C-alpha cells in the first residue's frame, strides 16, 4: 500500500510567562490551565478546555491571548471542528498579526479544507514572520504537493530539514517524493532517518514499500513486521507482509497474514483476492472460490479475481 504525505500534526506554540492572579488557589488553577493550553503533550479535548479557561478568565491580552486562541484553534483542528478552529485562528491573527503560530495553524485548517491557495498564503506569512519555523515549511510543502507542485514541495521539505534537522515528518515527506520519482535509494535513506527520529507505523510501511519495489523482499518483510509489532490491529502491516510471503512462495505464511488483515479490515478487496491466491495454491478450491467471489462483490470486474474463478471453473 502506497504511503502519502500527511498534514503534520504538530503545534506551533509560544511559551510565554504566566501572570499570577491575586490568590494562591486561583493562581494554581490558572497556571495549570495555561500549561495545558500551550503544552505540546495535551490531548485535544484537554487543550480546548484549558485554553477556553484562559480566554474566559479575561485576564490575558496581546500575544498571550493570541496564543490561547491559536492553541485552542489547534485543539479544535485535531477534533476536526474546522469552522470553530478557523474562527479562533482568525481571532488570533486579529489580536496579533505578527504571531507566526496563528498563521501556521490557520494554514493547516485551510489545508484540511483543501483550500490550498489560502493555506500556502498563510504558510508564506508564517515563514515571513519566523523563517526558522520548520513546521510551516513542511505544511507549505504538503499544500504545494496537493496542488501538483512536487518541485515546490521538495524545496519546502528541504527547507524544513535545514531549519530543524530533527524534524522527522519532513524526512518522511521528502522520502515520499523520492519514492514517487522512483529514487528508491534516497527514499530509503530519508525513511531510515525518519524512523530513527520517530519510529512510526507509516514510516515503516513506506520504507517497506521502497524495499519491496527495489526487490529487497526480506527487508520489506522485516519493516512490515515492525508495523505489526507497533500496531497489531493495523491491517496494513499484515496485508503487506502477506504479499511479500506470497512473492517468496510462503503460501501458508501469506494465508495466515491475510487472515489477520481481513480480521482488521474486511473491506479491503486485495486482501480477499490475495488470500484467494494463497488458498488456491494450497489446494483449498472452495475457500479460494469464496474469497475471489468476495473480491468481485467488493470490486466487480477485478481482472485477477475473474481470471482465477475462470481457472477454477467457477465463472
C-alpha atoms as a PDB file:
ATOM      1  CA  UNK A   1       0.000   0.000   0.000  1.00  0.00           C
ATOM      2  CA  UNK A   2       1.474   3.300  -1.033  1.00  0.00           C
ATOM      3  CA  UNK A   3       2.030   5.920   1.649  1.00  0.00           C
ATOM      4  CA  UNK A   4       1.028   9.531   1.283  1.00  0.00           C
ATOM      5  CA  UNK A   5       2.134  12.873   2.508  1.00  0.00           C
ATOM      6  CA  UNK A   6       0.096  13.763   5.550  1.00  0.00           C
ATOM      7  CA  UNK A   7      -0.508  17.051   7.257  1.00  0.00           C
ATOM      8  CA  UNK A   8       1.872  17.212  10.183  1.00  0.00           C
ATOM      9  CA  UNK A   9       0.070  17.009  13.500  1.00  0.00           C
ATOM     10  CA  UNK A  10       2.353  19.379  15.326  1.00  0.00           C
ATOM     11  CA  UNK A  11       1.538  22.556  17.184  1.00  0.00           C
ATOM     12  CA  UNK A  12       3.191  25.917  16.746  1.00  0.00           C
ATOM     13  CA  UNK A  13       3.272  27.329  20.250  1.00  0.00           C
ATOM     14  CA  UNK A  14       4.966  30.148  22.028  1.00  0.00           C
ATOM     15  CA  UNK A  15       5.946  29.636  25.649  1.00  0.00           C
ATOM     16  CA  UNK A  16       5.110  32.829  27.499  1.00  0.00           C
ATOM     17  CA  UNK A  17       5.439  33.866  31.100  1.00  0.00           C
ATOM     18  CA  UNK A  18       2.298  33.435  33.193  1.00  0.00           C
ATOM     19  CA  UNK A  19       0.900  36.372  35.138  1.00  0.00           C
ATOM     20  CA  UNK A  20      -0.037  35.345  38.673  1.00  0.00           C
ATOM     21  CA  UNK A  21      -3.549  36.235  39.886  1.00  0.00           C
ATOM     22  CA  UNK A  22      -4.329  37.641  43.305  1.00  0.00           C
ATOM     23  CA  UNK A  23      -4.945  34.424  45.307  1.00  0.00           C
ATOM     24  CA  UNK A  24      -2.704  31.371  45.504  1.00  0.00           C
ATOM     25  CA  UNK A  25      -5.580  28.967  44.781  1.00  0.00           C
ATOM     26  CA  UNK A  26      -6.639  30.913  41.715  1.00  0.00           C
ATOM     27  CA  UNK A  27      -3.001  31.113  40.727  1.00  0.00           C
ATOM     28  CA  UNK A  28      -2.544  27.352  40.802  1.00  0.00           C
ATOM     29  CA  UNK A  29      -5.661  26.769  38.678  1.00  0.00           C
ATOM     30  CA  UNK A  30      -4.693  29.471  36.208  1.00  0.00           C
ATOM     31  CA  UNK A  31      -1.164  28.144  35.899  1.00  0.00           C
ATOM     32  CA  UNK A  32      -2.423  24.622  35.290  1.00  0.00           C
ATOM     33  CA  UNK A  33      -4.838  25.881  32.630  1.00  0.00           C
ATOM     34  CA  UNK A  34      -2.074  27.823  30.903  1.00  0.00           C
ATOM     35  CA  UNK A  35       0.296  24.840  30.963  1.00  0.00           C
ATOM     36  CA  UNK A  36      -2.355  22.555  29.471  1.00  0.00           C
ATOM     37  CA  UNK A  37      -3.286  25.176  26.877  1.00  0.00           C
ATOM     38  CA  UNK A  38       0.243  25.503  25.492  1.00  0.00           C
ATOM     39  CA  UNK A  39       1.649  22.073  26.394  1.00  0.00           C
ATOM     40  CA  UNK A  40       2.655  20.038  23.353  1.00  0.00           C
ATOM     41  CA  UNK A  41       1.519  16.786  25.009  1.00  0.00           C
ATOM     42  CA  UNK A  42      -2.028  17.940  25.832  1.00  0.00           C
ATOM     43  CA  UNK A  43      -4.872  15.904  24.331  1.00  0.00           C
ATOM     44  CA  UNK A  44      -7.186  17.922  22.042  1.00  0.00           C
ATOM     45  CA  UNK A  45     -10.104  17.931  24.496  1.00  0.00           C
ATOM     46  CA  UNK A  46      -7.836  18.971  27.353  1.00  0.00           C
ATOM     47  CA  UNK A  47      -6.234  21.702  25.238  1.00  0.00           C
ATOM     48  CA  UNK A  48      -9.593  23.150  24.189  1.00  0.00           C
ATOM     49  CA  UNK A  49     -10.875  23.123  27.766  1.00  0.00           C
ATOM     50  CA  UNK A  50      -7.711  24.695  29.168  1.00  0.00           C
ATOM     51  CA  UNK A  51      -7.412  27.390  26.519  1.00  0.00           C
ATOM     52  CA  UNK A  52     -11.103  28.204  26.962  1.00  0.00           C
ATOM     53  CA  UNK A  53     -10.450  28.725  30.675  1.00  0.00           C
ATOM     54  CA  UNK A  54      -7.592  31.106  29.864  1.00  0.00           C
ATOM     55  CA  UNK A  55      -9.730  33.026  27.365  1.00  0.00           C
ATOM     56  CA  UNK A  56     -12.836  33.144  29.585  1.00  0.00           C
ATOM     57  CA  UNK A  57     -10.842  34.404  32.580  1.00  0.00           C
ATOM     58  CA  UNK A  58     -10.392  37.680  30.683  1.00  0.00           C
ATOM     59  CA  UNK A  59      -7.043  38.410  32.290  1.00  0.00           C
ATOM     60  CA  UNK A  60      -4.811  37.999  29.231  1.00  0.00           C
ATOM     61  CA  UNK A  61      -4.173  40.432  26.391  1.00  0.00           C
ATOM     62  CA  UNK A  62      -1.867  40.746  23.387  1.00  0.00           C
ATOM     63  CA  UNK A  63       0.416  37.882  22.478  1.00  0.00           C
ATOM     64  CA  UNK A  64      -0.718  35.671  25.364  1.00  0.00           C
ATOM     65  CA  UNK A  65      -4.375  35.995  24.424  1.00  0.00           C
ATOM     66  CA  UNK A  66      -3.472  35.327  20.787  1.00  0.00           C
ATOM     67  CA  UNK A  67      -1.590  32.223  21.930  1.00  0.00           C
ATOM     68  CA  UNK A  68      -4.648  30.947  23.801  1.00  0.00           C
ATOM     69  CA  UNK A  69      -6.806  31.350  20.679  1.00  0.00           C
ATOM     70  CA  UNK A  70      -4.077  29.863  18.487  1.00  0.00           C
ATOM     71  CA  UNK A  71      -3.677  26.785  20.658  1.00  0.00           C
ATOM     72  CA  UNK A  72      -7.411  26.302  21.150  1.00  0.00           C
ATOM     73  CA  UNK A  73      -7.693  26.522  17.385  1.00  0.00           C
ATOM     74  CA  UNK A  74      -5.144  23.743  17.121  1.00  0.00           C
ATOM     75  CA  UNK A  75      -7.096  21.561  19.547  1.00  0.00           C
ATOM     76  CA  UNK A  76     -10.274  22.146  17.568  1.00  0.00           C
ATOM     77  CA  UNK A  77      -8.397  21.262  14.376  1.00  0.00           C
ATOM     78  CA  UNK A  78      -7.339  17.959  15.902  1.00  0.00           C
ATOM     79  CA  UNK A  79     -11.006  17.328  16.729  1.00  0.00           C
ATOM     80  CA  UNK A  80     -11.810  18.216  13.085  1.00  0.00           C
ATOM     81  CA  UNK A  81     -14.070  21.067  14.213  1.00  0.00           C
ATOM     82  CA  UNK A  82     -12.630  23.109  11.396  1.00  0.00           C
ATOM     83  CA  UNK A  83     -15.029  26.058  11.286  1.00  0.00           C
ATOM     84  CA  UNK A  84     -14.635  26.672  15.012  1.00  0.00           C
ATOM     85  CA  UNK A  85     -10.870  26.316  14.650  1.00  0.00           C
ATOM     86  CA  UNK A  86     -10.819  28.821  11.818  1.00  0.00           C
ATOM     87  CA  UNK A  87     -12.790  31.310  13.902  1.00  0.00           C
ATOM     88  CA  UNK A  88     -10.265  31.023  16.749  1.00  0.00           C
ATOM     89  CA  UNK A  89      -7.298  31.396  14.439  1.00  0.00           C
ATOM     90  CA  UNK A  90      -8.843  34.414  12.723  1.00  0.00           C
ATOM     91  CA  UNK A  91      -9.173  35.954  16.180  1.00  0.00           C
ATOM     92  CA  UNK A  92      -5.549  35.143  16.997  1.00  0.00           C
ATOM     93  CA  UNK A  93      -4.457  36.911  13.808  1.00  0.00           C
ATOM     94  CA  UNK A  94      -6.682  39.902  14.635  1.00  0.00           C
ATOM     95  CA  UNK A  95      -5.185  40.212  18.110  1.00  0.00           C
ATOM     96  CA  UNK A  96      -1.572  39.865  16.964  1.00  0.00           C
ATOM     97  CA  UNK A  97      -0.864  39.978  13.240  1.00  0.00           C
ATOM     98  CA  UNK A  98       2.850  39.354  13.905  1.00  0.00           C
ATOM     99  CA  UNK A  99       2.258  35.928  15.512  1.00  0.00           C
ATOM    100  CA  UNK A 100       3.593  33.152  13.277  1.00  0.00           C
ATOM    101  CA  UNK A 101       1.753  30.447  15.258  1.00  0.00           C
ATOM    102  CA  UNK A 102      -1.621  31.812  14.207  1.00  0.00           C
ATOM    103  CA  UNK A 103      -0.793  31.868  10.506  1.00  0.00           C
ATOM    104  CA  UNK A 104       0.800  28.408  10.612  1.00  0.00           C
ATOM    105  CA  UNK A 105      -2.128  26.796  12.393  1.00  0.00           C
ATOM    106  CA  UNK A 106      -4.693  28.586  10.232  1.00  0.00           C
ATOM    107  CA  UNK A 107      -2.830  27.372   7.149  1.00  0.00           C
ATOM    108  CA  UNK A 108      -3.278  23.858   8.427  1.00  0.00           C
ATOM    109  CA  UNK A 109      -7.049  24.348   8.763  1.00  0.00           C
ATOM    110  CA  UNK A 110      -7.261  25.659   5.194  1.00  0.00           C
ATOM    111  CA  UNK A 111      -5.260  22.630   4.054  1.00  0.00           C
ATOM    112  CA  UNK A 112      -7.732  20.285   5.759  1.00  0.00           C
ATOM    113  CA  UNK A 113     -10.482  22.171   3.951  1.00  0.00           C
ATOM    114  CA  UNK A 114      -8.489  21.621   0.735  1.00  0.00           C
ATOM    115  CA  UNK A 115      -8.228  25.349   0.165  1.00  0.00           C
ATOM    116  CA  UNK A 116      -4.567  25.034  -0.689  1.00  0.00           C
ATOM    117  CA  UNK A 117      -4.098  28.535  -2.063  1.00  0.00           C
ATOM    118  CA  UNK A 118      -5.144  30.084   1.250  1.00  0.00           C
ATOM    119  CA  UNK A 119      -3.087  27.513   3.112  1.00  0.00           C
ATOM    120  CA  UNK A 120       0.010  28.457   1.134  1.00  0.00           C
ATOM    121  CA  UNK A 121      -0.647  32.169   1.697  1.00  0.00           C
ATOM    122  CA  UNK A 122      -0.826  31.615   5.462  1.00  0.00           C
ATOM    123  CA  UNK A 123       2.289  29.461   5.495  1.00  0.00           C
ATOM    124  CA  UNK A 124       4.062  32.161   3.466  1.00  0.00           C
ATOM    125  CA  UNK A 125       3.197  34.702   6.148  1.00  0.00           C
ATOM    126  CA  UNK A 126       4.233  32.372   8.984  1.00  0.00           C
ATOM    127  CA  UNK A 127       7.607  31.859   7.304  1.00  0.00           C
ATOM    128  CA  UNK A 128       7.992  35.612   6.702  1.00  0.00           C
ATOM    129  CA  UNK A 129       7.385  36.229  10.407  1.00  0.00           C
ATOM    130  CA  UNK A 130       9.574  33.329  11.573  1.00  0.00           C
ATOM    131  CA  UNK A 131      11.974  31.976   8.908  1.00  0.00           C
ATOM    132  CA  UNK A 132      13.098  29.238  11.311  1.00  0.00           C
ATOM    133  CA  UNK A 133       9.600  27.687  11.677  1.00  0.00           C
ATOM    134  CA  UNK A 134      10.208  24.224  10.221  1.00  0.00           C
ATOM    135  CA  UNK A 135       6.589  23.090  10.501  1.00  0.00           C
ATOM    136  CA  UNK A 136       5.474  25.996   8.313  1.00  0.00           C
ATOM    137  CA  UNK A 137       7.835  24.891   5.529  1.00  0.00           C
ATOM    138  CA  UNK A 138       6.568  21.338   5.926  1.00  0.00           C
ATOM    139  CA  UNK A 139       2.932  22.442   5.864  1.00  0.00           C
ATOM    140  CA  UNK A 140       3.507  24.603   2.806  1.00  0.00           C
ATOM    141  CA  UNK A 141       5.262  21.695   1.133  1.00  0.00           C
ATOM    142  CA  UNK A 142       2.250  19.496   1.797  1.00  0.00           C
ATOM    143  CA  UNK A 143      -0.106  22.105   0.335  1.00  0.00           C
ATOM    144  CA  UNK A 144       2.104  22.557  -2.725  1.00  0.00           C
ATOM    145  CA  UNK A 145       2.250  18.805  -3.228  1.00  0.00           C
ATOM    146  CA  UNK A 146      -1.524  18.604  -3.114  1.00  0.00           C
ATOM    147  CA  UNK A 147      -1.696  21.298  -5.797  1.00  0.00           C
ATOM    148  CA  UNK A 148       0.571  19.203  -8.019  1.00  0.00           C
ATOM    149  CA  UNK A 149       3.729  21.226  -7.394  1.00  0.00           C
ATOM    150  CA  UNK A 150       6.086  18.401  -6.423  1.00  0.00           C
ATOM    151  CA  UNK A 151       9.163  20.543  -7.101  1.00  0.00           C
ATOM    152  CA  UNK A 152       7.983  23.303  -4.790  1.00  0.00           C
ATOM    153  CA  UNK A 153       7.058  20.716  -2.166  1.00  0.00           C
ATOM    154  CA  UNK A 154      10.504  19.124  -2.378  1.00  0.00           C
ATOM    155  CA  UNK A 155      12.155  22.528  -1.882  1.00  0.00           C
ATOM    156  CA  UNK A 156       9.984  23.179   1.171  1.00  0.00           C
ATOM    157  CA  UNK A 157      10.765  19.813   2.746  1.00  0.00           C
ATOM    158  CA  UNK A 158      14.455  20.540   2.223  1.00  0.00           C
ATOM    159  CA  UNK A 159      13.962  23.902   3.919  1.00  0.00           C
ATOM    160  CA  UNK A 160      12.120  22.281   6.819  1.00  0.00           C
ATOM    161  CA  UNK A 161      15.006  19.850   7.345  1.00  0.00           C
ATOM    162  CA  UNK A 162      17.529  22.692   7.147  1.00  0.00           C
ATOM    163  CA  UNK A 163      15.553  24.664   9.747  1.00  0.00           C
ATOM    164  CA  UNK A 164      15.223  21.620  12.021  1.00  0.00           C
ATOM    165  CA  UNK A 165      17.365  18.561  11.207  1.00  0.00           C
ATOM    166  CA  UNK A 166      15.439  16.571  13.846  1.00  0.00           C
ATOM    167  CA  UNK A 167      12.043  17.109  12.191  1.00  0.00           C
ATOM    168  CA  UNK A 168      11.080  13.526  11.383  1.00  0.00           C
ATOM    169  CA  UNK A 169       7.955  14.255   9.318  1.00  0.00           C
ATOM    170  CA  UNK A 170       9.880  16.363   6.816  1.00  0.00           C
ATOM    171  CA  UNK A 171      12.201  13.431   6.078  1.00  0.00           C
ATOM    172  CA  UNK A 172       9.182  11.187   5.551  1.00  0.00           C
ATOM    173  CA  UNK A 173       7.554  13.665   3.203  1.00  0.00           C
ATOM    174  CA  UNK A 174      10.737  14.213   1.201  1.00  0.00           C
ATOM    175  CA  UNK A 175      11.228  10.457   1.120  1.00  0.00           C
ATOM    176  CA  UNK A 176       7.806  10.051  -0.419  1.00  0.00           C
ATOM    177  CA  UNK A 177       8.704  12.428  -3.245  1.00  0.00           C
ATOM    178  CA  UNK A 178      11.884  10.438  -3.858  1.00  0.00           C
ATOM    179  CA  UNK A 179       9.724   7.305  -3.878  1.00  0.00           C
ATOM    180  CA  UNK A 180       7.332   8.780  -6.436  1.00  0.00           C
ATOM    181  CA  UNK A 181      10.333   9.655  -8.578  1.00  0.00           C
ATOM    182  CA  UNK A 182      11.470   6.003  -8.291  1.00  0.00           C
ATOM    183  CA  UNK A 183      14.647   7.075  -6.486  1.00  0.00           C
ATOM    184  CA  UNK A 184      14.480   4.211  -4.010  1.00  0.00           C
ATOM    185  CA  UNK A 185      17.952   4.694  -2.528  1.00  0.00           C
ATOM    186  CA  UNK A 186      17.223   8.253  -1.418  1.00  0.00           C
ATOM    187  CA  UNK A 187      13.690   7.334  -0.342  1.00  0.00           C
ATOM    188  CA  UNK A 188      15.037   4.538   1.871  1.00  0.00           C
ATOM    189  CA  UNK A 189      17.662   6.895   3.299  1.00  0.00           C
ATOM    190  CA  UNK A 190      15.065   9.507   4.261  1.00  0.00           C
ATOM    191  CA  UNK A 191      12.655   6.956   5.693  1.00  0.00           C
ATOM    192  CA  UNK A 192      15.510   5.492   7.732  1.00  0.00           C
ATOM    193  CA  UNK A 193      16.256   8.889   9.268  1.00  0.00           C
ATOM    194  CA  UNK A 194      12.559   9.376   9.978  1.00  0.00           C
ATOM    195  CA  UNK A 195      12.409   6.018  11.740  1.00  0.00           C
ATOM    196  CA  UNK A 196      15.485   6.806  13.822  1.00  0.00           C
ATOM    197  CA  UNK A 197      13.993  10.124  14.911  1.00  0.00           C
ATOM    198  CA  UNK A 198      10.402   8.967  15.462  1.00  0.00           C
ATOM    199  CA  UNK A 199       9.521   5.298  14.851  1.00  0.00           C
ATOM    200  CA  UNK A 200       6.060   5.229  13.331  1.00  0.00           C
ATOM    201  CA  UNK A 201       3.994   2.550  11.537  1.00  0.00           C
ATOM    202  CA  UNK A 202       3.557   4.654   8.391  1.00  0.00           C
ATOM    203  CA  UNK A 203       7.294   5.268   8.147  1.00  0.00           C
ATOM    204  CA  UNK A 204       7.939   1.519   8.284  1.00  0.00           C
ATOM    205  CA  UNK A 205       5.219   0.912   5.682  1.00  0.00           C
ATOM    206  CA  UNK A 206       6.741   3.490   3.369  1.00  0.00           C
ATOM    207  CA  UNK A 207      10.275   2.159   3.769  1.00  0.00           C
ATOM    208  CA  UNK A 208       8.948  -1.370   3.338  1.00  0.00           C
ATOM    209  CA  UNK A 209       7.335  -0.311   0.079  1.00  0.00           C
ATOM    210  CA  UNK A 210      10.602   1.175  -1.124  1.00  0.00           C
ATOM    211  CA  UNK A 211      12.455  -2.025  -0.199  1.00  0.00           C
ATOM    212  CA  UNK A 212       9.745  -4.067  -1.952  1.00  0.00           C
ATOM    213  CA  UNK A 213       9.965  -2.006  -5.131  1.00  0.00           C
ATOM    214  CA  UNK A 214      13.755  -2.331  -5.139  1.00  0.00           C
ATOM    215  CA  UNK A 215      13.358  -6.122  -4.741  1.00  0.00           C
ATOM    216  CA  UNK A 216      14.793  -6.243  -1.212  1.00  0.00           C
ATOM    217  CA  UNK A 217      11.997  -8.517  -0.082  1.00  0.00           C
ATOM    218  CA  UNK A 218      13.442  -9.718   3.229  1.00  0.00           C
ATOM    219  CA  UNK A 219      13.965  -6.129   4.357  1.00  0.00           C
ATOM    220  CA  UNK A 220      10.468  -5.222   3.205  1.00  0.00           C
ATOM    221  CA  UNK A 221       9.016  -8.110   5.216  1.00  0.00           C
ATOM    222  CA  UNK A 222      11.015  -7.009   8.261  1.00  0.00           C
ATOM    223  CA  UNK A 223       9.618  -3.482   8.029  1.00  0.00           C
ATOM    224  CA  UNK A 224       6.052  -4.733   7.689  1.00  0.00           C
ATOM    225  CA  UNK A 225       6.773  -6.932  10.698  1.00  0.00           C
ATOM    226  CA  UNK A 226       7.658  -3.786  12.632  1.00  0.00           C
ATOM    227  CA  UNK A 227       4.292  -2.309  11.677  1.00  0.00           C
ATOM    228  CA  UNK A 228       2.641  -5.421  13.117  1.00  0.00           C
ATOM    229  CA  UNK A 229       4.689  -5.082  16.309  1.00  0.00           C
ATOM    230  CA  UNK A 230       3.896  -1.377  16.741  1.00  0.00           C
ATOM    231  CA  UNK A 231       0.263  -1.528  15.617  1.00  0.00           C
ATOM    232  CA  UNK A 232      -1.016  -5.114  15.618  1.00  0.00           C
ATOM    233  CA  UNK A 233      -4.573  -4.006  14.780  1.00  0.00           C
ATOM    234  CA  UNK A 234      -3.427  -2.114  11.683  1.00  0.00           C
ATOM    235  CA  UNK A 235      -4.321  -4.298   8.711  1.00  0.00           C
ATOM    236  CA  UNK A 236      -1.663  -2.665   6.516  1.00  0.00           C
ATOM    237  CA  UNK A 237       1.200  -4.450   8.218  1.00  0.00           C
ATOM    238  CA  UNK A 238      -0.454  -7.850   7.858  1.00  0.00           C
ATOM    239  CA  UNK A 239      -1.513  -7.488   4.228  1.00  0.00           C
ATOM    240  CA  UNK A 240       1.789  -6.036   3.078  1.00  0.00           C
ATOM    241  CA  UNK A 241       3.780  -8.789   4.767  1.00  0.00           C
ATOM    242  CA  UNK A 242       1.317 -11.321   3.408  1.00  0.00           C
ATOM    243  CA  UNK A 243       2.025 -10.113  -0.106  1.00  0.00           C
ATOM    244  CA  UNK A 244       5.788 -10.489   0.415  1.00  0.00           C
ATOM    245  CA  UNK A 245       5.286 -14.008   1.734  1.00  0.00           C
ATOM    246  CA  UNK A 246       3.284 -14.927  -1.358  1.00  0.00           C
ATOM    247  CA  UNK A 247       6.020 -13.434  -3.558  1.00  0.00           C
ATOM    248  CA  UNK A 248       8.511 -15.649  -1.754  1.00  0.00           C
ATOM    249  CA  UNK A 249       6.378 -18.781  -2.055  1.00  0.00           C
ATOM    250  CA  UNK A 250       5.396 -18.955   1.621  1.00  0.00           C
ATOM    251  CA  UNK A 251       1.737 -19.613   0.953  1.00  0.00           C
ATOM    252  CA  UNK A 252       0.880 -20.757   4.473  1.00  0.00           C
ATOM    253  CA  UNK A 253       2.517 -17.673   5.949  1.00  0.00           C
ATOM    254  CA  UNK A 254       0.763 -15.470   3.425  1.00  0.00           C
ATOM    255  CA  UNK A 255      -2.584 -17.089   4.219  1.00  0.00           C
ATOM    256  CA  UNK A 256      -2.076 -16.503   7.945  1.00  0.00           C
ATOM    257  CA  UNK A 257      -1.214 -12.843   7.356  1.00  0.00           C
ATOM    258  CA  UNK A 258      -4.240 -12.260   5.138  1.00  0.00           C
ATOM    259  CA  UNK A 259      -6.462 -13.913   7.740  1.00  0.00           C
ATOM    260  CA  UNK A 260      -5.296 -11.241  10.188  1.00  0.00           C
ATOM    261  CA  UNK A 261      -5.552  -8.456   7.608  1.00  0.00           C
ATOM    262  CA  UNK A 262      -9.182  -9.328   6.923  1.00  0.00           C
ATOM    263  CA  UNK A 263      -9.919  -9.582  10.634  1.00  0.00           C
ATOM    264  CA  UNK A 264      -8.963  -5.921  10.982  1.00  0.00           C
ATOM    265  CA  UNK A 265     -10.105  -4.619   7.586  1.00  0.00           C
ATOM    266  CA  UNK A 266     -12.717  -6.805   5.885  1.00  0.00           C
ATOM    267  CA  UNK A 267     -13.382  -4.118   3.259  1.00  0.00           C
ATOM    268  CA  UNK A 268     -10.001  -4.449   1.505  1.00  0.00           C
ATOM    269  CA  UNK A 269     -10.627  -6.081  -1.867  1.00  0.00           C
ATOM    270  CA  UNK A 270      -6.992  -7.037  -2.462  1.00  0.00           C
ATOM    271  CA  UNK A 271      -6.752  -8.925   0.814  1.00  0.00           C
ATOM    272  CA  UNK A 272      -9.677 -11.114  -0.303  1.00  0.00           C
ATOM    273  CA  UNK A 273      -8.118 -11.561  -3.730  1.00  0.00           C
ATOM    274  CA  UNK A 274      -4.670 -12.395  -2.390  1.00  0.00           C
ATOM    275  CA  UNK A 275      -5.965 -14.747   0.277  1.00  0.00           C
ATOM    276  CA  UNK A 276      -7.826 -16.465  -2.540  1.00  0.00           C
ATOM    277  CA  UNK A 277      -4.498 -16.848  -4.353  1.00  0.00           C
ATOM    278  CA  UNK A 278      -2.931 -18.387  -1.252  1.00  0.00           C
ATOM    279  CA  UNK A 279      -5.818 -20.805  -0.816  1.00  0.00           C
ATOM    280  CA  UNK A 280      -5.748 -21.762  -4.477  1.00  0.00           C
ATOM    281  CA  UNK A 281      -2.020 -22.518  -4.272  1.00  0.00           C
ATOM    282  CA  UNK A 282      -2.617 -24.613  -1.134  1.00  0.00           C
ATOM    283  CA  UNK A 283      -5.347 -26.662  -2.847  1.00  0.00           C
ATOM    284  CA  UNK A 284      -8.311 -25.165  -0.981  1.00  0.00           C
ATOM    285  CA  UNK A 285     -10.530 -24.759  -4.044  1.00  0.00           C
ATOM    286  CA  UNK A 286     -13.772 -23.882  -2.252  1.00  0.00           C
ATOM    287  CA  UNK A 287     -12.063 -21.420   0.062  1.00  0.00           C
ATOM    288  CA  UNK A 288     -10.359 -19.775  -2.900  1.00  0.00           C
ATOM    289  CA  UNK A 289     -13.641 -19.501  -4.817  1.00  0.00           C
ATOM    290  CA  UNK A 290     -15.339 -17.892  -1.816  1.00  0.00           C
ATOM    291  CA  UNK A 291     -12.537 -15.331  -1.483  1.00  0.00           C
ATOM    292  CA  UNK A 292     -12.461 -14.453  -5.174  1.00  0.00           C
ATOM    293  CA  UNK A 293     -16.242 -14.043  -5.206  1.00  0.00           C
ATOM    294  CA  UNK A 294     -15.987 -11.719  -2.216  1.00  0.00           C
ATOM    295  CA  UNK A 295     -13.331  -9.703  -4.045  1.00  0.00           C
ATOM    296  CA  UNK A 296     -15.651  -9.373  -7.047  1.00  0.00           C
ATOM    297  CA  UNK A 297     -18.528  -8.373  -4.767  1.00  0.00           C
ATOM    298  CA  UNK A 298     -16.378  -5.512  -3.486  1.00  0.00           C
ATOM    299  CA  UNK A 299     -14.965  -4.604  -6.903  1.00  0.00           C
ATOM    300  CA  UNK A 300     -16.943  -6.051  -9.813  1.00  0.00           C
ATOM    301  CA  UNK A 301     -14.745  -6.808 -12.794  1.00  0.00           C
ATOM    302  CA  UNK A 302     -11.475  -7.183 -10.858  1.00  0.00           C
ATOM    303  CA  UNK A 303      -9.390  -8.963 -13.525  1.00  0.00           C
ATOM    304  CA  UNK A 304      -7.291 -11.168 -11.234  1.00  0.00           C
ATOM    305  CA  UNK A 305     -10.337 -12.456  -9.372  1.00  0.00           C
ATOM    306  CA  UNK A 306     -12.288 -13.130 -12.592  1.00  0.00           C
ATOM    307  CA  UNK A 307      -9.332 -14.952 -14.154  1.00  0.00           C
ATOM    308  CA  UNK A 308      -8.867 -17.083 -11.025  1.00  0.00           C
ATOM    309  CA  UNK A 309     -12.554 -18.038 -10.926  1.00  0.00           C
ATOM    310  CA  UNK A 310     -12.440 -18.968 -14.616  1.00  0.00           C
ATOM    311  CA  UNK A 311      -9.369 -21.090 -13.938  1.00  0.00           C
ATOM    312  CA  UNK A 312     -11.220 -22.793 -11.085  1.00  0.00           C
ATOM    313  CA  UNK A 313     -14.284 -23.395 -13.294  1.00  0.00           C
ATOM    314  CA  UNK A 314     -16.442 -21.205 -11.076  1.00  0.00           C
ATOM    315  CA  UNK A 315     -17.302 -18.443 -13.531  1.00  0.00           C
END
